[in-house]
Amino acid sequence: MMCKMTFEEANQELEKTVSRMESGNLTLQESMDEYAKACELLAFCMKELETCKGKIEDINQKIDRLSNGGN
């Protein structure tokens, strides 16, 4: 499920899941299921953000090298 989602889709689904949990209209089992789903979505989003952070750091290092006359 997660591998086909974009960060934006996962984040939107996470927000919906949290809203459902906050509504107070779920049974205990439904709450547990939603919590498990939220944890999965959060882990996916955090992984995507870490990947982007690494790419940004790589780009910034390249810019620094180029700014300092290196390759």
N, C-alpha and C. Protein backbone atom coordinates (compact mmCIF):
# COMPACT_ATOMS: atom_id res chain seq x y z
N MET A 1 0.83 -1.20 0.00
CA MET A 1 0.00 0.00 0.00
C MET A 1 0.86 1.25 0.00
N MET A 2 1.80 1.35 0.92
CA MET A 2 2.59 2.57 1.07
C MET A 2 3.50 2.86 -0.12
N CYS A 3 4.05 1.80 -0.74
CA CYS A 3 5.03 2.03 -1.78
C CYS A 3 4.42 2.72 -3.01
N LYS A 4 3.11 2.67 -3.16
CA LYS A 4 2.48 3.31 -4.31
C LYS A 4 1.98 4.71 -3.98
N MET A 5 2.11 5.11 -2.72
CA MET A 5 1.64 6.43 -2.31
C MET A 5 2.76 7.46 -2.44
N THR A 6 2.36 8.67 -2.71
CA THR A 6 3.31 9.76 -2.64
C THR A 6 3.32 10.27 -1.19
N PHE A 7 4.29 11.09 -0.89
CA PHE A 7 4.34 11.70 0.44
C PHE A 7 3.06 12.47 0.70
N GLU A 8 2.62 13.24 -0.27
CA GLU A 8 1.43 14.07 -0.11
C GLU A 8 0.19 13.22 0.15
N GLU A 9 0.05 12.13 -0.58
CA GLU A 9 -1.10 11.24 -0.36
C GLU A 9 -1.06 10.61 1.03
N ALA A 10 0.11 10.16 1.43
CA ALA A 10 0.25 9.54 2.75
C ALA A 10 -0.03 10.55 3.86
N ASN A 11 0.48 11.76 3.68
CA ASN A 11 0.25 12.81 4.68
C ASN A 11 -1.23 13.16 4.78
N GLN A 12 -1.91 13.25 3.66
CA GLN A 12 -3.34 13.53 3.65
C GLN A 12 -4.12 12.40 4.33
N GLU A 13 -3.75 11.16 4.04
CA GLU A 13 -4.41 10.01 4.66
C GLU A 13 -4.13 9.98 6.16
N LEU A 14 -2.93 10.36 6.55
CA LEU A 14 -2.59 10.43 7.97
C LEU A 14 -3.47 11.46 8.68
N GLU A 15 -3.66 12.61 8.06
CA GLU A 15 -4.52 13.64 8.65
C GLU A 15 -5.96 13.13 8.80
N LYS A 16 -6.47 12.43 7.80
CA LYS A 16 -7.83 11.88 7.87
C LYS A 16 -7.92 10.83 8.98
N THR A 17 -6.90 10.00 9.08
CA THR A 17 -6.89 8.94 10.10
C THR A 17 -6.90 9.55 11.49
N VAL A 18 -6.08 10.56 11.70
CA VAL A 18 -6.03 11.23 13.01
C VAL A 18 -7.38 11.87 13.31
N SER A 19 -8.00 12.48 12.33
CA SER A 19 -9.32 13.10 12.54
C SER A 19 -10.35 12.06 12.95
N ARG A 20 -10.32 10.90 12.31
CA ARG A 20 -11.25 9.83 12.68
C ARG A 20 -11.00 9.40 14.13
N MET A 21 -9.75 9.31 14.50
CA MET A 21 -9.42 8.90 15.87
C MET A 21 -9.86 9.95 16.88
N GLU A 22 -9.71 11.20 16.53
CA GLU A 22 -10.07 12.29 17.44
C GLU A 22 -11.58 12.49 17.56
N SER A 23 -12.33 11.93 16.61
CA SER A 23 -13.78 12.12 16.61
C SER A 23 -14.45 11.52 17.84
N GLY A 24 -13.85 10.48 18.39
CA GLY A 24 -14.43 9.82 19.54
C GLY A 24 -15.57 8.88 19.18
N ASN A 25 -15.78 8.63 17.90
CA ASN A 25 -16.89 7.78 17.46
C ASN A 25 -16.46 6.37 17.09
N LEU A 26 -15.25 5.97 17.42
CA LEU A 26 -14.76 4.66 17.04
C LEU A 26 -14.83 3.70 18.22
N THR A 27 -15.00 2.43 17.89
CA THR A 27 -14.91 1.41 18.92
C THR A 27 -13.44 1.25 19.29
N LEU A 28 -13.18 0.52 20.35
CA LEU A 28 -11.81 0.28 20.75
C LEU A 28 -11.03 -0.40 19.63
N GLN A 29 -11.62 -1.41 19.02
CA GLN A 29 -10.93 -2.12 17.94
C GLN A 29 -10.68 -1.20 16.74
N GLU A 30 -11.66 -0.39 16.39
CA GLU A 30 -11.48 0.56 15.29
C GLU A 30 -10.37 1.55 15.63
N SER A 31 -10.33 1.99 16.86
CA SER A 31 -9.28 2.92 17.30
C SER A 31 -7.90 2.28 17.16
N MET A 32 -7.81 1.02 17.57
CA MET A 32 -6.53 0.31 17.46
C MET A 32 -6.12 0.14 15.99
N ASP A 33 -7.08 -0.18 15.14
CA ASP A 33 -6.79 -0.33 13.71
C ASP A 33 -6.34 1.00 13.11
N GLU A 34 -7.02 2.08 13.48
CA GLU A 34 -6.65 3.40 12.98
C GLU A 34 -5.27 3.83 13.49
N TYR A 35 -5.00 3.48 14.75
CA TYR A 35 -3.69 3.80 15.33
C TYR A 35 -2.58 3.08 14.57
N ALA A 36 -2.79 1.81 14.29
CA ALA A 36 -1.80 1.04 13.53
C ALA A 36 -1.58 1.65 12.15
N LYS A 37 -2.66 2.04 11.52
CA LYS A 37 -2.57 2.67 10.19
C LYS A 37 -1.82 4.00 10.28
N ALA A 38 -2.12 4.79 11.30
CA ALA A 38 -1.45 6.07 11.49
C ALA A 38 0.05 5.88 11.69
N CYS A 39 0.42 4.88 12.45
CA CYS A 39 1.85 4.60 12.69
C CYS A 39 2.55 4.23 11.40
N GLU A 40 1.90 3.43 10.57
CA GLU A 40 2.46 3.04 9.28
C GLU A 40 2.64 4.26 8.37
N LEU A 41 1.61 5.08 8.32
CA LEU A 41 1.67 6.28 7.48
C LEU A 41 2.74 7.24 7.98
N LEU A 42 2.84 7.42 9.28
CA LEU A 42 3.84 8.31 9.85
C LEU A 42 5.24 7.81 9.54
N ALA A 43 5.47 6.51 9.69
CA ALA A 43 6.79 5.94 9.39
C ALA A 43 7.15 6.17 7.92
N PHE A 44 6.17 5.99 7.04
CA PHE A 44 6.40 6.22 5.61
C PHE A 44 6.77 7.67 5.35
N CYS A 45 6.02 8.60 5.94
CA CYS A 45 6.28 10.03 5.74
C CYS A 45 7.66 10.42 6.28
N MET A 46 8.00 9.90 7.44
CA MET A 46 9.30 10.21 8.02
C MET A 46 10.45 9.68 7.16
N LYS A 47 10.27 8.50 6.60
CA LYS A 47 11.29 7.93 5.71
C LYS A 47 11.45 8.79 4.46
N GLU A 48 10.34 9.22 3.90
CA GLU A 48 10.39 10.08 2.72
C GLU A 48 11.10 11.40 3.03
N LEU A 49 10.81 11.98 4.19
CA LEU A 49 11.46 13.23 4.58
C LEU A 49 12.96 13.04 4.78
N GLU A 50 13.35 11.93 5.38
CA GLU A 50 14.78 11.64 5.58
C GLU A 50 15.49 11.49 4.23
N THR A 51 14.83 10.83 3.29
CA THR A 51 15.39 10.67 1.95
C THR A 51 15.60 12.04 1.29
N CYS A 52 14.61 12.90 1.40
CA CYS A 52 14.72 14.25 0.83
C CYS A 52 15.81 15.06 1.52
N LYS A 53 15.89 14.90 2.84
CA LYS A 53 16.93 15.62 3.59
C LYS A 53 18.32 15.22 3.10
N GLY A 54 18.52 13.93 2.87
CA GLY A 54 19.81 13.45 2.36
C GLY A 54 20.12 14.02 0.99
N LYS A 55 19.12 14.08 0.14
CA LYS A 55 19.32 14.64 -1.20
C LYS A 55 19.66 16.11 -1.14
N ILE A 56 19.00 16.85 -0.25
CA ILE A 56 19.27 18.28 -0.09
C ILE A 56 20.69 18.49 0.43
N GLU A 57 21.10 17.65 1.38
CA GLU A 57 22.46 17.75 1.91
C GLU A 57 23.49 17.49 0.80
N ASP A 58 23.22 16.50 -0.06
CA ASP A 58 24.12 16.21 -1.18
C ASP A 58 24.21 17.41 -2.12
N ILE A 59 23.09 18.01 -2.43
CA ILE A 59 23.06 19.17 -3.31
C ILE A 59 23.84 20.32 -2.68
N ASN A 60 23.62 20.56 -1.40
CA ASN A 60 24.33 21.65 -0.72
C ASN A 60 25.83 21.41 -0.69
N GLN A 61 26.26 20.16 -0.53
CA GLN A 61 27.69 19.86 -0.57
C GLN A 61 28.26 20.13 -1.95
N LYS A 62 27.53 19.78 -2.98
CA LYS A 62 27.99 20.06 -4.35
C LYS A 62 28.09 21.56 -4.58
N ILE A 63 27.13 22.30 -4.10
CA ILE A 63 27.16 23.76 -4.24
C ILE A 63 28.36 24.33 -3.51
N ASP A 64 28.62 23.84 -2.30
CA ASP A 64 29.79 24.30 -1.53
C ASP A 64 31.09 24.02 -2.27
N ARG A 65 31.20 22.80 -2.83
CA ARG A 65 32.42 22.46 -3.58
C ARG A 65 32.58 23.37 -4.80
N LEU A 66 31.49 23.60 -5.50
CA LEU A 66 31.56 24.46 -6.68
C LEU A 66 31.88 25.90 -6.30
N SER A 67 31.34 26.35 -5.19
CA SER A 67 31.59 27.71 -4.72
C SER A 67 33.04 27.90 -4.30
N ASN A 68 33.67 26.82 -3.85
CA ASN A 68 35.05 26.88 -3.39
C ASN A 68 36.03 26.48 -4.50
N GLY A 69 35.54 26.36 -5.72
CA GLY A 69 36.40 26.07 -6.85
C GLY A 69 36.72 24.59 -7.04
N GLY A 70 36.09 23.72 -6.28
CA GLY A 70 36.33 22.28 -6.41
C GLY A 70 35.32 21.63 -7.33
N ASN A 71 35.44 20.34 -7.47
CA ASN A 71 34.49 19.61 -8.32
C ASN A 71 33.55 18.81 -7.49
